[in-house]
Amino acid sequence: MEASQGMVILDIEGARRFHGHSCPGLAIGIRAAEVALQEVGPHAEDEEVVAVVETDMCAVDAIQYLTGCTFGKGNLIHLDYGKSVFTFIRRSDGKAVRIALRPEPWGPPDAEREALYERVRQGQAGEEDLRRVQELRGQQIGDILAHPLADLFEIQQVEALIPARARIHDSVTCARCGERMMETRARLFRGELYCIPCFEIRERQED
């Protein structure tokens, strides 16, 4: 991995406000964004940096807030793989870094923590259990934010296909519901254009 671009300053409190609460998943995203900003850098222009995320967990909110890669701009791409893996690509020169969360980055499995979480999942946790869960979660968050990045993630320079820039498409009207949609999402059925939900309804009606 190339030398980093130096220390970056992260608005952790801003990321927490954006997400709505503090949690280990958000902390993972904060640290992944830290790697991205060090290795790929901030935006030189709109959509200069693209994030490809393989999960929809809390971490993605921190990535959006701290790196400026968002669904609305088209430079945040979600691959629904359920993996805590984040790839950042710089358009200007194609530099890309893949950041994969290591197994149990804050230490080995903790029997007490797992038992507590299971009681919470089963709806059997008492007030003391819930207080202890919050305490353990706080410790996890602190550990994630304090650990060296190399202990948390496997970080690799990779070759990545640079996604096309976001495009503005024409809109068309659904023949069933009358709502407007992007023309590239329209479905043709018996000579009429439908949005995807209405297209699926029409298909079922034909069965």
C-alpha atoms as a PDB file:
ATOM      1  CA  MET A   1       0.000   0.000   0.000  1.00  0.00           C
ATOM      2  CA  GLU A   2       1.298   3.432  -0.849  1.00  0.00           C
ATOM      3  CA  ALA A   3       2.145   5.898   1.889  1.00  0.00           C
ATOM      4  CA  SER A   4      -0.942   7.600   3.214  1.00  0.00           C
ATOM      5  CA  GLN A   5      -1.601  11.255   2.601  1.00  0.00           C
ATOM      6  CA  GLY A   6      -1.230  12.060   6.260  1.00  0.00           C
ATOM      7  CA  MET A   7      -3.579  12.488   9.177  1.00  0.00           C
ATOM      8  CA  VAL A   8      -7.182  13.307   8.307  1.00  0.00           C
ATOM      9  CA  ILE A   9      -9.599  15.089  10.592  1.00  0.00           C
ATOM     10  CA  LEU A  10     -12.940  13.332  10.898  1.00  0.00           C
ATOM     11  CA  ASP A  11     -16.198  14.913  12.022  1.00  0.00           C
ATOM     12  CA  ILE A  12     -17.215  11.962  14.191  1.00  0.00           C
ATOM     13  CA  GLU A  13     -19.956  13.859  16.022  1.00  0.00           C
ATOM     14  CA  GLY A  14     -21.397  14.998  12.704  1.00  0.00           C
ATOM     15  CA  ALA A  15     -21.469  11.393  11.480  1.00  0.00           C
ATOM     16  CA  ARG A  16     -23.263  10.353  14.660  1.00  0.00           C
ATOM     17  CA  ARG A  17     -25.891  13.074  14.218  1.00  0.00           C
ATOM     18  CA  PHE A  18     -26.358  12.125  10.573  1.00  0.00           C
ATOM     19  CA  HIS A  19     -26.892   8.461  11.478  1.00  0.00           C
ATOM     20  CA  GLY A  20     -29.025   9.180  14.541  1.00  0.00           C
ATOM     21  CA  HIS A  21     -27.072   7.226  17.141  1.00  0.00           C
ATOM     22  CA  SER A  22     -23.646   5.850  17.933  1.00  0.00           C
ATOM     23  CA  CYS A  23     -22.967   2.152  17.376  1.00  0.00           C
ATOM     24  CA  PRO A  24     -20.132  -0.220  16.432  1.00  0.00           C
ATOM     25  CA  GLY A  25     -21.309  -0.332  12.809  1.00  0.00           C
ATOM     26  CA  LEU A  26     -21.074   3.440  12.499  1.00  0.00           C
ATOM     27  CA  ALA A  27     -17.597   3.325  14.039  1.00  0.00           C
ATOM     28  CA  ILE A  28     -16.525   0.806  11.390  1.00  0.00           C
ATOM     29  CA  GLY A  29     -17.721   3.192   8.685  1.00  0.00           C
ATOM     30  CA  ILE A  30     -15.862   6.091  10.283  1.00  0.00           C
ATOM     31  CA  ARG A  31     -12.607   4.141  10.197  1.00  0.00           C
ATOM     32  CA  ALA A  32     -13.221   2.917   6.629  1.00  0.00           C
ATOM     33  CA  ALA A  33     -13.776   6.542   5.580  1.00  0.00           C
ATOM     34  CA  GLU A  34     -10.522   7.421   7.305  1.00  0.00           C
ATOM     35  CA  VAL A  35      -8.674   4.919   5.115  1.00  0.00           C
ATOM     36  CA  ALA A  36     -10.431   6.227   2.003  1.00  0.00           C
ATOM     37  CA  LEU A  37      -9.543   9.839   2.730  1.00  0.00           C
ATOM     38  CA  GLN A  38      -5.915   8.926   3.428  1.00  0.00           C
ATOM     39  CA  GLU A  39      -5.386   6.618   0.462  1.00  0.00           C
ATOM     40  CA  VAL A  40      -7.691   8.000  -2.240  1.00  0.00           C
ATOM     41  CA  GLY A  41      -8.237  11.516  -0.957  1.00  0.00           C
ATOM     42  CA  PRO A  42     -11.239  13.834  -0.816  1.00  0.00           C
ATOM     43  CA  HIS A  43     -13.211  15.018  -3.821  1.00  0.00           C
ATOM     44  CA  ALA A  44     -11.249  17.179  -6.223  1.00  0.00           C
ATOM     45  CA  GLU A  45     -14.543  17.797  -8.030  1.00  0.00           C
ATOM     46  CA  ASP A  46     -18.092  16.499  -7.914  1.00  0.00           C
ATOM     47  CA  GLU A  47     -18.198  12.676  -8.169  1.00  0.00           C
ATOM     48  CA  GLU A  48     -14.382  12.533  -8.267  1.00  0.00           C
ATOM     49  CA  VAL A  49     -14.408   9.704  -5.730  1.00  0.00           C
ATOM     50  CA  VAL A  50     -16.717   6.690  -6.034  1.00  0.00           C
ATOM     51  CA  ALA A  51     -17.555   4.337  -3.156  1.00  0.00           C
ATOM     52  CA  VAL A  52     -18.688   0.774  -3.831  1.00  0.00           C
ATOM     53  CA  VAL A  53     -20.158  -0.734  -0.654  1.00  0.00           C
ATOM     54  CA  GLU A  54     -21.058  -4.405  -0.265  1.00  0.00           C
ATOM     55  CA  THR A  55     -23.450  -3.920   2.653  1.00  0.00           C
ATOM     56  CA  ASP A  56     -26.290  -1.658   3.744  1.00  0.00           C
ATOM     57  CA  MET A  57     -25.231  -1.610   7.409  1.00  0.00           C
ATOM     58  CA  CYS A  58     -24.746   1.468   9.606  1.00  0.00           C
ATOM     59  CA  ALA A  59     -21.196   1.941   8.310  1.00  0.00           C
ATOM     60  CA  VAL A  60     -22.503   3.269   4.998  1.00  0.00           C
ATOM     61  CA  ASP A  61     -24.011   6.344   6.676  1.00  0.00           C
ATOM     62  CA  ALA A  62     -20.588   7.314   8.024  1.00  0.00           C
ATOM     63  CA  ILE A  63     -19.080   6.779   4.586  1.00  0.00           C
ATOM     64  CA  GLN A  64     -21.702   9.000   2.962  1.00  0.00           C
ATOM     65  CA  TYR A  65     -21.275  11.754   5.528  1.00  0.00           C
ATOM     66  CA  LEU A  66     -17.488  11.761   5.719  1.00  0.00           C
ATOM     67  CA  THR A  67     -16.513  11.122   2.089  1.00  0.00           C
ATOM     68  CA  GLY A  68     -19.365  12.847   0.240  1.00  0.00           C
ATOM     69  CA  CYS A  69     -20.159   9.709  -1.762  1.00  0.00           C
ATOM     70  CA  THR A  70     -23.968   9.544  -1.914  1.00  0.00           C
ATOM     71  CA  PHE A  71     -26.735   7.672  -3.715  1.00  0.00           C
ATOM     72  CA  GLY A  72     -28.180  10.954  -4.952  1.00  0.00           C
ATOM     73  CA  LYS A  73     -24.979  11.927  -6.791  1.00  0.00           C
ATOM     74  CA  GLY A  74     -24.568   8.445  -8.184  1.00  0.00           C
ATOM     75  CA  ASN A  75     -21.106   7.942  -6.697  1.00  0.00           C
ATOM     76  CA  LEU A  76     -22.230   5.530  -3.970  1.00  0.00           C
ATOM     77  CA  ILE A  77     -22.896   2.096  -5.441  1.00  0.00           C
ATOM     78  CA  HIS A  78     -24.492  -0.638  -3.321  1.00  0.00           C
ATOM     79  CA  LEU A  79     -23.721  -4.285  -4.046  1.00  0.00           C
ATOM     80  CA  ASP A  80     -25.999  -6.404  -1.868  1.00  0.00           C
ATOM     81  CA  TYR A  81     -23.416  -8.987  -0.786  1.00  0.00           C
ATOM     82  CA  GLY A  82     -23.852  -8.574   2.980  1.00  0.00           C
ATOM     83  CA  LYS A  83     -20.095  -8.090   3.457  1.00  0.00           C
ATOM     84  CA  SER A  84     -18.329  -5.294   5.325  1.00  0.00           C
ATOM     85  CA  VAL A  85     -16.220  -4.467   2.289  1.00  0.00           C
ATOM     86  CA  PHE A  86     -15.793  -0.958   0.873  1.00  0.00           C
ATOM     87  CA  THR A  87     -13.943  -0.008  -2.319  1.00  0.00           C
ATOM     88  CA  PHE A  88     -13.074   3.592  -3.142  1.00  0.00           C
ATOM     89  CA  ILE A  89     -12.069   4.681  -6.647  1.00  0.00           C
ATOM     90  CA  ARG A  90     -10.514   7.974  -7.766  1.00  0.00           C
ATOM     91  CA  ARG A  91     -11.665   8.846 -11.266  1.00  0.00           C
ATOM     92  CA  SER A  92      -8.734  11.077 -12.203  1.00  0.00           C
ATOM     93  CA  ASP A  93      -6.159   8.282 -12.254  1.00  0.00           C
ATOM     94  CA  GLY A  94      -8.111   5.100 -11.477  1.00  0.00           C
ATOM     95  CA  LYS A  95      -6.490   4.556  -8.100  1.00  0.00           C
ATOM     96  CA  ALA A  96      -8.649   2.209  -6.029  1.00  0.00           C
ATOM     97  CA  VAL A  97      -8.434   0.779  -2.525  1.00  0.00           C
ATOM     98  CA  ARG A  98     -10.440  -2.156  -1.181  1.00  0.00           C
ATOM     99  CA  ILE A  99     -11.139  -2.133   2.561  1.00  0.00           C
ATOM    100  CA  ALA A 100     -12.387  -5.399   4.108  1.00  0.00           C
ATOM    101  CA  LEU A 101     -13.272  -5.679   7.789  1.00  0.00           C
ATOM    102  CA  ARG A 102     -11.202  -8.338   9.501  1.00  0.00           C
ATOM    103  CA  PRO A 103     -13.019 -11.046  11.528  1.00  0.00           C
ATOM    104  CA  GLU A 104     -13.602  -9.916  15.124  1.00  0.00           C
ATOM    105  CA  PRO A 105     -11.501  -6.734  14.782  1.00  0.00           C
ATOM    106  CA  TRP A 106     -11.985  -5.800  18.448  1.00  0.00           C
ATOM    107  CA  GLY A 107     -10.767  -9.128  19.824  1.00  0.00           C
ATOM    108  CA  PRO A 108     -11.940 -12.732  20.219  1.00  0.00           C
ATOM    109  CA  PRO A 109     -15.617 -13.616  20.792  1.00  0.00           C
ATOM    110  CA  ASP A 110     -16.846 -12.669  24.244  1.00  0.00           C
ATOM    111  CA  ALA A 111     -19.144 -15.245  25.877  1.00  0.00           C
ATOM    112  CA  GLU A 112     -20.809 -12.701  28.172  1.00  0.00           C
ATOM    113  CA  ARG A 113     -21.507 -10.316  25.317  1.00  0.00           C
ATOM    114  CA  GLU A 114     -22.952 -13.033  23.073  1.00  0.00           C
ATOM    115  CA  ALA A 115     -25.196 -14.329  25.876  1.00  0.00           C
ATOM    116  CA  LEU A 116     -26.458 -10.826  26.587  1.00  0.00           C
ATOM    117  CA  TYR A 117     -27.163 -10.125  22.933  1.00  0.00           C
ATOM    118  CA  GLU A 118     -29.031 -13.402  22.619  1.00  0.00           C
ATOM    119  CA  ARG A 119     -31.268 -12.493  25.573  1.00  0.00           C
ATOM    120  CA  VAL A 120     -31.955  -9.139  23.909  1.00  0.00           C
ATOM    121  CA  ARG A 121     -32.833 -10.861  20.610  1.00  0.00           C
ATOM    122  CA  GLN A 122     -35.168 -13.233  22.439  1.00  0.00           C
ATOM    123  CA  GLY A 123     -36.853 -10.391  24.343  1.00  0.00           C
ATOM    124  CA  GLN A 124     -35.655 -11.829  27.659  1.00  0.00           C
ATOM    125  CA  ALA A 125     -33.259  -9.059  28.731  1.00  0.00           C
ATOM    126  CA  GLY A 126     -33.879  -7.222  31.986  1.00  0.00           C
ATOM    127  CA  GLU A 127     -32.899  -3.652  32.827  1.00  0.00           C
ATOM    128  CA  GLU A 128     -29.496  -4.733  34.120  1.00  0.00           C
ATOM    129  CA  ASP A 129     -28.866  -6.715  30.949  1.00  0.00           C
ATOM    130  CA  LEU A 130     -29.765  -3.715  28.784  1.00  0.00           C
ATOM    131  CA  ARG A 131     -27.500  -1.452  30.828  1.00  0.00           C
ATOM    132  CA  ARG A 132     -24.634  -3.924  30.430  1.00  0.00           C
ATOM    133  CA  VAL A 133     -25.261  -4.230  26.682  1.00  0.00           C
ATOM    134  CA  GLN A 134     -24.956  -0.456  26.309  1.00  0.00           C
ATOM    135  CA  GLU A 135     -21.750  -0.522  28.336  1.00  0.00           C
ATOM    136  CA  LEU A 136     -20.261  -3.267  26.170  1.00  0.00           C
ATOM    137  CA  ARG A 137     -21.332  -1.493  22.985  1.00  0.00           C
ATOM    138  CA  GLY A 138     -19.627   1.656  24.225  1.00  0.00           C
ATOM    139  CA  GLN A 139     -16.458  -0.329  24.812  1.00  0.00           C
ATOM    140  CA  GLN A 140     -16.670  -1.811  21.311  1.00  0.00           C
ATOM    141  CA  ILE A 141     -17.092   1.635  19.772  1.00  0.00           C
ATOM    142  CA  GLY A 142     -14.098   2.950  21.690  1.00  0.00           C
ATOM    143  CA  ASP A 143     -11.993  -0.032  20.675  1.00  0.00           C
ATOM    144  CA  ILE A 144     -12.887   0.342  16.985  1.00  0.00           C
ATOM    145  CA  LEU A 145     -12.102   4.061  16.999  1.00  0.00           C
ATOM    146  CA  ALA A 146      -8.779   3.495  18.784  1.00  0.00           C
ATOM    147  CA  HIS A 147      -7.409   0.425  16.997  1.00  0.00           C
ATOM    148  CA  PRO A 148      -4.748   0.787  14.285  1.00  0.00           C
ATOM    149  CA  LEU A 149      -6.403   0.682  10.894  1.00  0.00           C
ATOM    150  CA  ALA A 150      -4.344  -2.321   9.794  1.00  0.00           C
ATOM    151  CA  ASP A 151      -5.734  -4.312  12.739  1.00  0.00           C
ATOM    152  CA  LEU A 152      -9.323  -3.515  11.747  1.00  0.00           C
ATOM    153  CA  PHE A 153      -9.149  -3.952   7.988  1.00  0.00           C
ATOM    154  CA  GLU A 154      -7.402  -5.769   5.217  1.00  0.00           C
ATOM    155  CA  ILE A 155      -6.469  -2.876   2.918  1.00  0.00           C
ATOM    156  CA  GLN A 156      -5.453  -3.558  -0.666  1.00  0.00           C
ATOM    157  CA  GLN A 157      -4.695  -1.503  -3.734  1.00  0.00           C
ATOM    158  CA  VAL A 158      -6.832  -3.029  -6.503  1.00  0.00           C
ATOM    159  CA  GLU A 159      -7.641  -2.658 -10.180  1.00  0.00           C
ATOM    160  CA  ALA A 160     -11.234  -1.453 -10.448  1.00  0.00           C
ATOM    161  CA  LEU A 161     -13.562  -0.649 -13.306  1.00  0.00           C
ATOM    162  CA  ILE A 162     -14.392   3.044 -13.056  1.00  0.00           C
ATOM    163  CA  PRO A 163     -18.190   3.414 -13.041  1.00  0.00           C
ATOM    164  CA  ALA A 164     -19.763   5.769 -15.544  1.00  0.00           C
ATOM    165  CA  ARG A 165     -20.795   9.144 -14.202  1.00  0.00           C
ATOM    166  CA  ALA A 166     -24.414   9.585 -13.180  1.00  0.00           C
ATOM    167  CA  ARG A 167     -26.705  10.568 -16.054  1.00  0.00           C
ATOM    168  CA  ILE A 168     -29.983  12.451 -16.109  1.00  0.00           C
ATOM    169  CA  HIS A 169     -32.560  10.480 -18.085  1.00  0.00           C
ATOM    170  CA  ASP A 170     -35.886  11.529 -19.529  1.00  0.00           C
ATOM    171  CA  SER A 171     -39.051  10.658 -17.607  1.00  0.00           C
ATOM    172  CA  VAL A 172     -42.095   8.792 -18.889  1.00  0.00           C
ATOM    173  CA  THR A 173     -45.543   8.169 -17.397  1.00  0.00           C
ATOM    174  CA  CYS A 174     -46.797   4.778 -16.220  1.00  0.00           C
ATOM    175  CA  ALA A 175     -49.922   3.692 -18.093  1.00  0.00           C
ATOM    176  CA  ARG A 176     -51.454   2.202 -14.937  1.00  0.00           C
ATOM    177  CA  CYS A 177     -50.681   4.457 -11.948  1.00  0.00           C
ATOM    178  CA  GLY A 178     -49.908   7.666 -13.838  1.00  0.00           C
ATOM    179  CA  GLU A 179     -46.704   8.286 -11.934  1.00  0.00           C
ATOM    180  CA  ARG A 180     -43.540   9.477 -13.646  1.00  0.00           C
ATOM    181  CA  MET A 181     -40.429   7.316 -13.790  1.00  0.00           C
ATOM    182  CA  MET A 182     -36.975   7.289 -15.321  1.00  0.00           C
ATOM    183  CA  GLU A 183     -37.265   5.965 -18.875  1.00  0.00           C
ATOM    184  CA  THR A 184     -34.497   3.429 -18.293  1.00  0.00           C
ATOM    185  CA  ARG A 185     -36.648   1.770 -15.600  1.00  0.00           C
ATOM    186  CA  ALA A 186     -39.831   1.571 -17.689  1.00  0.00           C
ATOM    187  CA  ARG A 187     -41.206  -1.801 -18.768  1.00  0.00           C
ATOM    188  CA  LEU A 188     -43.108  -2.337 -22.009  1.00  0.00           C
ATOM    189  CA  PHE A 189     -46.264  -4.454 -21.817  1.00  0.00           C
ATOM    190  CA  ARG A 190     -48.686  -4.863 -24.735  1.00  0.00           C
ATOM    191  CA  GLY A 191     -47.475  -1.634 -26.284  1.00  0.00           C
ATOM    192  CA  GLU A 192     -47.709   0.474 -23.100  1.00  0.00           C
ATOM    193  CA  LEU A 193     -45.073   1.648 -20.647  1.00  0.00           C
ATOM    194  CA  TYR A 194     -45.333   0.684 -16.984  1.00  0.00           C
ATOM    195  CA  CYS A 195     -43.324   1.318 -13.845  1.00  0.00           C
ATOM    196  CA  ILE A 196     -41.819  -1.837 -12.360  1.00  0.00           C
ATOM    197  CA  PRO A 197     -44.494  -2.409  -9.649  1.00  0.00           C
ATOM    198  CA  CYS A 198     -47.346  -1.930 -12.115  1.00  0.00           C
ATOM    199  CA  PHE A 199     -45.598  -4.107 -14.698  1.00  0.00           C
ATOM    200  CA  GLU A 200     -45.411  -6.921 -12.140  1.00  0.00           C
ATOM    201  CA  ILE A 201     -49.132  -6.495 -11.375  1.00  0.00           C
ATOM    202  CA  ARG A 202     -50.027  -6.679 -15.061  1.00  0.00           C
ATOM    203  CA  GLU A 203     -47.903  -9.804 -15.489  1.00  0.00           C
ATOM    204  CA  ARG A 204     -49.695 -11.498 -12.580  1.00  0.00           C
ATOM    205  CA  GLN A 205     -53.058 -10.555 -14.057  1.00  0.00           C
ATOM    206  CA  GLU A 206     -52.102 -12.367 -17.248  1.00  0.00           C
ATOM    207  CA  ASP A 207     -51.284 -15.611 -15.430  1.00  0.00           C
END
